[in-house]
Amino acid sequence: MLAVEAVGRKTQTVEGLNGAPIQKAFVEKFAFQCGYCTSGFIMNCQGLINIHPDASDEVMQEWLQSNICRCTSYQEITEAIKSVLSSENA
């Protein structure tokens, strides 16, 4: 989305997720490597959790395809998502 498309809309940045369960899960599950793409993944994962609180593995994989990471911590990221989803559905 271009910034001009966000005029008048509520936006959230990764700083706005400070202390959010997904950020904690990224740390606990070692779901990051170099850190270059981590904030994008955290934002994407938070969106996934908001929209698909019962996401299947296939839905998670589809959502994660929109972010490209050469360090490949996709398994750990998926584990982080699952840990948040399971704690919210408990």
PDB file of N, CA and C in Angstrom:
ATOM      1  N   MET A   1       0.847  -1.168   0.000  1.00  0.00           N
ATOM      2  CA  MET A   1       0.000   0.000   0.000  1.00  0.00           C
ATOM      3  C   MET A   1       0.897   1.237   0.000  1.00  0.00           C
ATOM      4  N   LEU A   2       0.538   2.183  -0.772  1.00  0.00           N
ATOM      5  CA  LEU A   2       1.243   3.455  -0.791  1.00  0.00           C
ATOM      6  C   LEU A   2       0.779   4.312   0.389  1.00  0.00           C
ATOM      7  N   ALA A   3       1.644   5.159   0.875  1.00  0.00           N
ATOM      8  CA  ALA A   3       1.302   6.018   2.009  1.00  0.00           C
ATOM      9  C   ALA A   3       0.059   6.851   1.720  1.00  0.00           C
ATOM     10  N   VAL A   4      -0.079   7.330   0.499  1.00  0.00           N
ATOM     11  CA  VAL A   4      -1.232   8.150   0.137  1.00  0.00           C
ATOM     12  C   VAL A   4      -2.537   7.361   0.270  1.00  0.00           C
ATOM     13  N   GLU A   5      -2.470   6.048   0.127  1.00  0.00           N
ATOM     14  CA  GLU A   5      -3.665   5.211   0.282  1.00  0.00           C
ATOM     15  C   GLU A   5      -4.067   5.042   1.744  1.00  0.00           C
ATOM     16  N   ALA A   6      -3.176   5.369   2.656  1.00  0.00           N
ATOM     17  CA  ALA A   6      -3.441   5.216   4.080  1.00  0.00           C
ATOM     18  C   ALA A   6      -3.990   6.487   4.724  1.00  0.00           C
ATOM     19  N   VAL A   7      -4.093   7.553   3.962  1.00  0.00           N
ATOM     20  CA  VAL A   7      -4.589   8.809   4.513  1.00  0.00           C
ATOM     21  C   VAL A   7      -5.991   8.584   5.089  1.00  0.00           C
ATOM     22  N   GLY A   8      -6.159   8.984   6.349  1.00  0.00           N
ATOM     23  CA  GLY A   8      -7.446   8.848   7.017  1.00  0.00           C
ATOM     24  C   GLY A   8      -7.705   7.463   7.587  1.00  0.00           C
ATOM     25  N   ARG A   9      -6.760   6.554   7.430  1.00  0.00           N
ATOM     26  CA  ARG A   9      -6.917   5.199   7.949  1.00  0.00           C
ATOM     27  C   ARG A   9      -6.039   5.001   9.177  1.00  0.00           C
ATOM     28  N   LYS A  10      -6.446   4.072  10.012  1.00  0.00           N
ATOM     29  CA  LYS A  10      -5.629   3.712  11.174  1.00  0.00           C
ATOM     30  C   LYS A  10      -4.521   2.785  10.687  1.00  0.00           C
ATOM     31  N   THR A  11      -3.293   3.088  11.072  1.00  0.00           N
ATOM     32  CA  THR A  11      -2.162   2.242  10.717  1.00  0.00           C
ATOM     33  C   THR A  11      -1.435   1.829  11.985  1.00  0.00           C
ATOM     34  N   GLN A  12      -0.736   0.720  11.879  1.00  0.00           N
ATOM     35  CA  GLN A  12       0.049   0.247  13.017  1.00  0.00           C
ATOM     36  C   GLN A  12       1.425  -0.156  12.513  1.00  0.00           C
ATOM     37  N   THR A  13       2.420   0.212  13.264  1.00  0.00           N
ATOM     38  CA  THR A  13       3.790  -0.161  12.931  1.00  0.00           C
ATOM     39  C   THR A  13       4.249  -1.242  13.897  1.00  0.00           C
ATOM     40  N   VAL A  14       5.406  -1.795  13.629  1.00  0.00           N
ATOM     41  CA  VAL A  14       5.936  -2.832  14.511  1.00  0.00           C
ATOM     42  C   VAL A  14       6.174  -2.278  15.918  1.00  0.00           C
ATOM     43  N   GLU A  15       6.484  -1.003  16.027  1.00  0.00           N
ATOM     44  CA  GLU A  15       6.645  -0.391  17.348  1.00  0.00           C
ATOM     45  C   GLU A  15       5.339  -0.418  18.133  1.00  0.00           C
ATOM     46  N   GLY A  16       4.222  -0.378  17.439  1.00  0.00           N
ATOM     47  CA  GLY A  16       2.918  -0.437  18.080  1.00  0.00           C
ATOM     48  C   GLY A  16       2.583  -1.814  18.627  1.00  0.00           C
ATOM     49  N   LEU A  17       3.369  -2.798  18.251  1.00  0.00           N
ATOM     50  CA  LEU A  17       3.175  -4.160  18.759  1.00  0.00           C
ATOM     51  C   LEU A  17       4.111  -4.475  19.915  1.00  0.00           C
ATOM     52  N   ASN A  18       4.750  -3.457  20.462  1.00  0.00           N
ATOM     53  CA  ASN A  18       5.698  -3.657  21.556  1.00  0.00           C
ATOM     54  C   ASN A  18       5.053  -4.464  22.678  1.00  0.00           C
ATOM     55  N   GLY A  19       5.659  -5.604  22.990  1.00  0.00           N
ATOM     56  CA  GLY A  19       5.148  -6.465  24.048  1.00  0.00           C
ATOM     57  C   GLY A  19       4.031  -7.393  23.616  1.00  0.00           C
ATOM     58  N   ALA A  20       3.667  -7.362  22.334  1.00  0.00           N
ATOM     59  CA  ALA A  20       2.600  -8.227  21.832  1.00  0.00           C
ATOM     60  C   ALA A  20       3.036  -9.691  21.886  1.00  0.00           C
ATOM     61  N   PRO A  21       2.087 -10.597  22.053  1.00  0.00           N
ATOM     62  CA  PRO A  21       2.434 -12.020  22.112  1.00  0.00           C
ATOM     63  C   PRO A  21       3.264 -12.502  20.922  1.00  0.00           C
ATOM     64  N   ILE A  22       3.020 -11.985  19.728  1.00  0.00           N
ATOM     65  CA  ILE A  22       3.785 -12.455  18.566  1.00  0.00           C
ATOM     66  C   ILE A  22       5.248 -12.035  18.680  1.00  0.00           C
ATOM     67  N   GLN A  23       5.525 -10.855  19.202  1.00  0.00           N
ATOM     68  CA  GLN A  23       6.921 -10.452  19.391  1.00  0.00           C
ATOM     69  C   GLN A  23       7.606 -11.349  20.409  1.00  0.00           C
ATOM     70  N   LYS A  24       6.925 -11.641  21.495  1.00  0.00           N
ATOM     71  CA  LYS A  24       7.491 -12.527  22.511  1.00  0.00           C
ATOM     72  C   LYS A  24       7.731 -13.917  21.933  1.00  0.00           C
ATOM     73  N   ALA A  25       6.795 -14.394  21.121  1.00  0.00           N
ATOM     74  CA  ALA A  25       6.927 -15.720  20.517  1.00  0.00           C
ATOM     75  C   ALA A  25       8.107 -15.766  19.552  1.00  0.00           C
ATOM     76  N   PHE A  26       8.361 -14.684  18.819  1.00  0.00           N
ATOM     77  CA  PHE A  26       9.515 -14.640  17.919  1.00  0.00           C
ATOM     78  C   PHE A  26      10.810 -14.819  18.704  1.00  0.00           C
ATOM     79  N   VAL A  27      10.883 -14.205  19.872  1.00  0.00           N
ATOM     80  CA  VAL A  27      12.083 -14.332  20.708  1.00  0.00           C
ATOM     81  C   VAL A  27      12.176 -15.749  21.271  1.00  0.00           C
ATOM     82  N   GLU A  28      11.082 -16.231  21.822  1.00  0.00           N
ATOM     83  CA  GLU A  28      11.089 -17.553  22.453  1.00  0.00           C
ATOM     84  C   GLU A  28      11.362 -18.687  21.463  1.00  0.00           C
ATOM     85  N   LYS A  29      10.894 -18.540  20.231  1.00  0.00           N
ATOM     86  CA  LYS A  29      11.045 -19.598  19.219  1.00  0.00           C
ATOM     87  C   LYS A  29      12.228 -19.347  18.288  1.00  0.00           C
ATOM     88  N   PHE A  30      13.022 -18.313  18.562  1.00  0.00           N
ATOM     89  CA  PHE A  30      14.174 -17.965  17.717  1.00  0.00           C
ATOM     90  C   PHE A  30      13.756 -17.789  16.258  1.00  0.00           C
ATOM     91  N   ALA A  31      12.671 -17.058  16.049  1.00  0.00           N
ATOM     92  CA  ALA A  31      12.069 -16.900  14.727  1.00  0.00           C
ATOM     93  C   ALA A  31      12.642 -15.708  13.964  1.00  0.00           C
ATOM     94  N   PHE A  32      13.927 -15.530  14.036  1.00  0.00           N
ATOM     95  CA  PHE A  32      14.586 -14.439  13.318  1.00  0.00           C
ATOM     96  C   PHE A  32      16.014 -14.862  13.028  1.00  0.00           C
ATOM     97  N   GLN A  33      16.621 -14.223  12.092  1.00  0.00           N
ATOM     98  CA  GLN A  33      18.021 -14.482  11.772  1.00  0.00           C
ATOM     99  C   GLN A  33      18.749 -13.143  11.812  1.00  0.00           C
ATOM    100  N   CYS A  34      18.985 -12.559  10.645  1.00  0.00           N
ATOM    101  CA  CYS A  34      19.754 -11.318  10.601  1.00  0.00           C
ATOM    102  C   CYS A  34      18.945 -10.115  11.096  1.00  0.00           C
ATOM    103  N   GLY A  35      17.629 -10.205  11.089  1.00  0.00           N
ATOM    104  CA  GLY A  35      16.792  -9.117  11.569  1.00  0.00           C
ATOM    105  C   GLY A  35      16.294  -8.177  10.495  1.00  0.00           C
ATOM    106  N   TYR A  36      16.820  -8.283   9.290  1.00  0.00           N
ATOM    107  CA  TYR A  36      16.431  -7.370   8.217  1.00  0.00           C
ATOM    108  C   TYR A  36      14.931  -7.465   7.923  1.00  0.00           C
ATOM    109  N   CYS A  37      14.398  -8.668   7.846  1.00  0.00           N
ATOM    110  CA  CYS A  37      12.993  -8.856   7.478  1.00  0.00           C
ATOM    111  C   CYS A  37      12.091  -9.130   8.681  1.00  0.00           C
ATOM    112  N   THR A  38      12.655  -9.180   9.875  1.00  0.00           N
ATOM    113  CA  THR A  38      11.891  -9.592  11.051  1.00  0.00           C
ATOM    114  C   THR A  38      10.673  -8.714  11.308  1.00  0.00           C
ATOM    115  N   SER A  39      10.810  -7.406  11.223  1.00  0.00           N
ATOM    116  CA  SER A  39       9.655  -6.545  11.512  1.00  0.00           C
ATOM    117  C   SER A  39       8.526  -6.775  10.518  1.00  0.00           C
ATOM    118  N   GLY A  40       8.864  -7.013   9.254  1.00  0.00           N
ATOM    119  CA  GLY A  40       7.827  -7.326   8.264  1.00  0.00           C
ATOM    120  C   GLY A  40       7.132  -8.635   8.573  1.00  0.00           C
ATOM    121  N   PHE A  41       7.899  -9.630   8.983  1.00  0.00           N
ATOM    122  CA  PHE A  41       7.303 -10.908   9.362  1.00  0.00           C
ATOM    123  C   PHE A  41       6.403 -10.755  10.588  1.00  0.00           C
ATOM    124  N   ILE A  42       6.844  -9.996  11.577  1.00  0.00           N
ATOM    125  CA  ILE A  42       6.026  -9.800  12.775  1.00  0.00           C
ATOM    126  C   ILE A  42       4.710  -9.124  12.414  1.00  0.00           C
ATOM    127  N   MET A  43       4.755  -8.111  11.585  1.00  0.00           N
ATOM    128  CA  MET A  43       3.527  -7.431  11.164  1.00  0.00           C
ATOM    129  C   MET A  43       2.621  -8.387  10.384  1.00  0.00           C
ATOM    130  N   ASN A  44       3.207  -9.143   9.468  1.00  0.00           N
ATOM    131  CA  ASN A  44       2.444 -10.094   8.671  1.00  0.00           C
ATOM    132  C   ASN A  44       1.798 -11.150   9.575  1.00  0.00           C
ATOM    133  N   CYS A  45       2.558 -11.664  10.522  1.00  0.00           N
ATOM    134  CA  CYS A  45       2.041 -12.690  11.435  1.00  0.00           C
ATOM    135  C   CYS A  45       0.921 -12.138  12.313  1.00  0.00           C
ATOM    136  N   GLN A  46       1.060 -10.889  12.756  1.00  0.00           N
ATOM    137  CA  GLN A  46      -0.005 -10.287  13.559  1.00  0.00           C
ATOM    138  C   GLN A  46      -1.276 -10.164  12.738  1.00  0.00           C
ATOM    139  N   GLY A  47      -1.144  -9.764  11.473  1.00  0.00           N
ATOM    140  CA  GLY A  47      -2.311  -9.706  10.584  1.00  0.00           C
ATOM    141  C   GLY A  47      -2.953 -11.070  10.411  1.00  0.00           C
ATOM    142  N   LEU A  48      -2.125 -12.079  10.228  1.00  0.00           N
ATOM    143  CA  LEU A  48      -2.625 -13.449  10.101  1.00  0.00           C
ATOM    144  C   LEU A  48      -3.396 -13.859  11.352  1.00  0.00           C
ATOM    145  N   ILE A  49      -2.833 -13.595  12.502  1.00  0.00           N
ATOM    146  CA  ILE A  49      -3.488 -13.949  13.768  1.00  0.00           C
ATOM    147  C   ILE A  49      -4.813 -13.210  13.909  1.00  0.00           C
ATOM    148  N   ASN A  50      -4.860 -11.941  13.513  1.00  0.00           N
ATOM    149  CA  ASN A  50      -6.091 -11.156  13.611  1.00  0.00           C
ATOM    150  C   ASN A  50      -7.175 -11.684  12.684  1.00  0.00           C
ATOM    151  N   ILE A  51      -6.792 -12.049  11.470  1.00  0.00           N
ATOM    152  CA  ILE A  51      -7.771 -12.434  10.455  1.00  0.00           C
ATOM    153  C   ILE A  51      -8.099 -13.929  10.488  1.00  0.00           C
ATOM    154  N   HIS A  52      -7.117 -14.742  10.818  1.00  0.00           N
ATOM    155  CA  HIS A  52      -7.293 -16.201  10.825  1.00  0.00           C
ATOM    156  C   HIS A  52      -6.870 -16.779  12.178  1.00  0.00           C
ATOM    157  N   PRO A  53      -7.671 -16.583  13.221  1.00  0.00           N
ATOM    158  CA  PRO A  53      -7.277 -17.099  14.537  1.00  0.00           C
ATOM    159  C   PRO A  53      -7.241 -18.621  14.622  1.00  0.00           C
ATOM    160  N   ASP A  54      -7.743 -19.273  13.592  1.00  0.00           N
ATOM    161  CA  ASP A  54      -7.713 -20.739  13.538  1.00  0.00           C
ATOM    162  C   ASP A  54      -6.945 -21.213  12.300  1.00  0.00           C
ATOM    163  N   ALA A  55      -5.916 -20.463  11.933  1.00  0.00           N
ATOM    164  CA  ALA A  55      -5.164 -20.723  10.693  1.00  0.00           C
ATOM    165  C   ALA A  55      -4.590 -22.123  10.640  1.00  0.00           C
ATOM    166  N   SER A  56      -4.748 -22.740   9.488  1.00  0.00           N
ATOM    167  CA  SER A  56      -4.150 -24.049   9.233  1.00  0.00           C
ATOM    168  C   SER A  56      -2.706 -23.847   8.783  1.00  0.00           C
ATOM    169  N   ASP A  57      -1.972 -24.943   8.704  1.00  0.00           N
ATOM    170  CA  ASP A  57      -0.592 -24.869   8.220  1.00  0.00           C
ATOM    171  C   ASP A  57      -0.545 -24.293   6.810  1.00  0.00           C
ATOM    172  N   GLU A  58      -1.525 -24.644   5.984  1.00  0.00           N
ATOM    173  CA  GLU A  58      -1.564 -24.153   4.609  1.00  0.00           C
ATOM    174  C   GLU A  58      -1.782 -22.641   4.564  1.00  0.00           C
ATOM    175  N   VAL A  59      -2.650 -22.140   5.416  1.00  0.00           N
ATOM    176  CA  VAL A  59      -2.908 -20.691   5.472  1.00  0.00           C
ATOM    177  C   VAL A  59      -1.653 -19.968   5.952  1.00  0.00           C
ATOM    178  N   MET A  60      -0.993 -20.512   6.968  1.00  0.00           N
ATOM    179  CA  MET A  60       0.244 -19.889   7.456  1.00  0.00           C
ATOM    180  C   MET A  60       1.295 -19.850   6.355  1.00  0.00           C
ATOM    181  N   GLN A  61       1.448 -20.945   5.646  1.00  0.00           N
ATOM    182  CA  GLN A  61       2.436 -21.009   4.564  1.00  0.00           C
ATOM    183  C   GLN A  61       2.114 -19.982   3.483  1.00  0.00           C
ATOM    184  N   GLU A  62       0.842 -19.857   3.142  1.00  0.00           N
ATOM    185  CA  GLU A  62       0.428 -18.881   2.126  1.00  0.00           C
ATOM    186  C   GLU A  62       0.764 -17.463   2.565  1.00  0.00           C
ATOM    187  N   TRP A  63       0.464 -17.133   3.818  1.00  0.00           N
ATOM    188  CA  TRP A  63       0.750 -15.792   4.324  1.00  0.00           C
ATOM    189  C   TRP A  63       2.242 -15.518   4.372  1.00  0.00           C
ATOM    190  N   LEU A  64       3.037 -16.503   4.748  1.00  0.00           N
ATOM    191  CA  LEU A  64       4.477 -16.297   4.873  1.00  0.00           C
ATOM    192  C   LEU A  64       5.156 -16.144   3.516  1.00  0.00           C
ATOM    193  N   GLN A  65       4.510 -16.570   2.445  1.00  0.00           N
ATOM    194  CA  GLN A  65       5.096 -16.443   1.116  1.00  0.00           C
ATOM    195  C   GLN A  65       5.239 -14.993   0.670  1.00  0.00           C
ATOM    196  N   SER A  66       4.500 -14.095   1.289  1.00  0.00           N
ATOM    197  CA  SER A  66       4.578 -12.690   0.868  1.00  0.00           C
ATOM    198  C   SER A  66       5.827 -11.994   1.383  1.00  0.00           C
ATOM    199  N   ASN A  67       6.530 -12.603   2.333  1.00  0.00           N
ATOM    200  CA  ASN A  67       7.796 -12.081   2.838  1.00  0.00           C
ATOM    201  C   ASN A  67       8.909 -13.028   2.411  1.00  0.00           C
ATOM    202  N   ILE A  68       9.971 -12.479   1.903  1.00  0.00           N
ATOM    203  CA  ILE A  68      11.083 -13.304   1.452  1.00  0.00           C
ATOM    204  C   ILE A  68      12.250 -13.120   2.414  1.00  0.00           C
ATOM    205  N   CYS A  69      12.777 -14.240   2.890  1.00  0.00           N
ATOM    206  CA  CYS A  69      13.904 -14.212   3.811  1.00  0.00           C
ATOM    207  C   CYS A  69      14.948 -15.200   3.320  1.00  0.00           C
ATOM    208  N   ARG A  70      16.135 -14.737   3.091  1.00  0.00           N
ATOM    209  CA  ARG A  70      17.215 -15.627   2.647  1.00  0.00           C
ATOM    210  C   ARG A  70      17.811 -16.407   3.806  1.00  0.00           C
ATOM    211  N   CYS A  71      17.542 -15.985   5.034  1.00  0.00           N
ATOM    212  CA  CYS A  71      18.096 -16.686   6.193  1.00  0.00           C
ATOM    213  C   CYS A  71      17.262 -17.909   6.576  1.00  0.00           C
ATOM    214  N   THR A  72      16.063 -18.005   6.049  1.00  0.00           N
ATOM    215  CA  THR A  72      15.161 -19.164   6.173  1.00  0.00           C
ATOM    216  C   THR A  72      14.875 -19.625   7.592  1.00  0.00           C
ATOM    217  N   SER A  73      14.171 -18.830   8.344  1.00  0.00           N
ATOM    218  CA  SER A  73      13.706 -19.270   9.655  1.00  0.00           C
ATOM    219  C   SER A  73      12.201 -19.511   9.616  1.00  0.00           C
ATOM    220  N   TYR A  74      11.696 -19.954   8.465  1.00  0.00           N
ATOM    221  CA  TYR A  74      10.260 -20.136   8.293  1.00  0.00           C
ATOM    222  C   TYR A  74       9.671 -21.138   9.292  1.00  0.00           C
ATOM    223  N   GLN A  75      10.373 -22.205   9.602  1.00  0.00           N
ATOM    224  CA  GLN A  75       9.846 -23.185  10.560  1.00  0.00           C
ATOM    225  C   GLN A  75       9.682 -22.545  11.931  1.00  0.00           C
ATOM    226  N   GLU A  76      10.654 -21.782  12.352  1.00  0.00           N
ATOM    227  CA  GLU A  76      10.581 -21.119  13.645  1.00  0.00           C
ATOM    228  C   GLU A  76       9.468 -20.067  13.667  1.00  0.00           C
ATOM    229  N   ILE A  77       9.286 -19.378  12.554  1.00  0.00           N
ATOM    230  CA  ILE A  77       8.210 -18.383  12.461  1.00  0.00           C
ATOM    231  C   ILE A  77       6.862 -19.084  12.577  1.00  0.00           C
ATOM    232  N   THR A  78       6.710 -20.203  11.884  1.00  0.00           N
ATOM    233  CA  THR A  78       5.467 -20.975  11.971  1.00  0.00           C
ATOM    234  C   THR A  78       5.234 -21.442  13.403  1.00  0.00           C
ATOM    235  N   GLU A  79       6.277 -21.879  14.075  1.00  0.00           N
ATOM    236  CA  GLU A  79       6.147 -22.295  15.474  1.00  0.00           C
ATOM    237  C   GLU A  79       5.729 -21.123  16.359  1.00  0.00           C
ATOM    238  N   ALA A  80       6.250 -19.940  16.080  1.00  0.00           N
ATOM    239  CA  ALA A  80       5.863 -18.748  16.834  1.00  0.00           C
ATOM    240  C   ALA A  80       4.379 -18.443  16.640  1.00  0.00           C
ATOM    241  N   ILE A  81       3.919 -18.509  15.394  1.00  0.00           N
ATOM    242  CA  ILE A  81       2.493 -18.268  15.117  1.00  0.00           C
ATOM    243  C   ILE A  81       1.641 -19.290  15.860  1.00  0.00           C
ATOM    244  N   LYS A  82       2.012 -20.556  15.749  1.00  0.00           N
ATOM    245  CA  LYS A  82       1.229 -21.614  16.391  1.00  0.00           C
ATOM    246  C   LYS A  82       1.185 -21.431  17.906  1.00  0.00           C
ATOM    247  N   SER A  83       2.284 -20.983  18.491  1.00  0.00           N
ATOM    248  CA  SER A  83       2.282 -20.804  19.946  1.00  0.00           C
ATOM    249  C   SER A  83       1.326 -19.690  20.359  1.00  0.00           C
ATOM    250  N   VAL A  84       1.249 -18.636  19.566  1.00  0.00           N
ATOM    251  CA  VAL A  84       0.320 -17.544  19.880  1.00  0.00           C
ATOM    252  C   VAL A  84      -1.120 -18.004  19.657  1.00  0.00           C
ATOM    253  N   LEU A  85      -1.370 -18.676  18.550  1.00  0.00           N
ATOM    254  CA  LEU A  85      -2.713 -19.150  18.266  1.00  0.00           C
ATOM    255  C   LEU A  85      -3.195 -20.128  19.329  1.00  0.00           C
ATOM    256  N   SER A  86      -2.336 -21.018  19.750  1.00  0.00           N
ATOM    257  CA  SER A  86      -2.757 -22.013  20.751  1.00  0.00           C
ATOM    258  C   SER A  86      -3.015 -21.354  22.102  1.00  0.00           C
ATOM    259  N   SER A  87      -2.238 -20.331  22.450  1.00  0.00           N
ATOM    260  CA  SER A  87      -2.470 -19.652  23.730  1.00  0.00           C
ATOM    261  C   SER A  87      -3.738 -18.820  23.698  1.00  0.00           C
ATOM    262  N   GLU A  88      -4.080 -18.285  22.519  1.00  0.00           N
ATOM    263  CA  GLU A  88      -5.313 -17.481  22.401  1.00  0.00           C
ATOM    264  C   GLU A  88      -6.546 -18.365  22.335  1.00  0.00           C
ATOM    265  N   ASN A  89      -6.378 -19.599  21.856  1.00  0.00           N
ATOM    266  CA  ASN A  89      -7.529 -20.511  21.744  1.00  0.00           C
ATOM    267  C   ASN A  89      -7.663 -21.419  22.958  1.00  0.00           C
ATOM    268  N   ALA A  90      -6.784 -21.241  23.950  1.00  0.00           N
ATOM    269  CA  ALA A  90      -6.823 -22.105  25.137  1.00  0.00           C
ATOM    270  C   ALA A  90      -7.875 -21.663  26.120  1.00  0.00           C
TER     271      ALA A  90
END
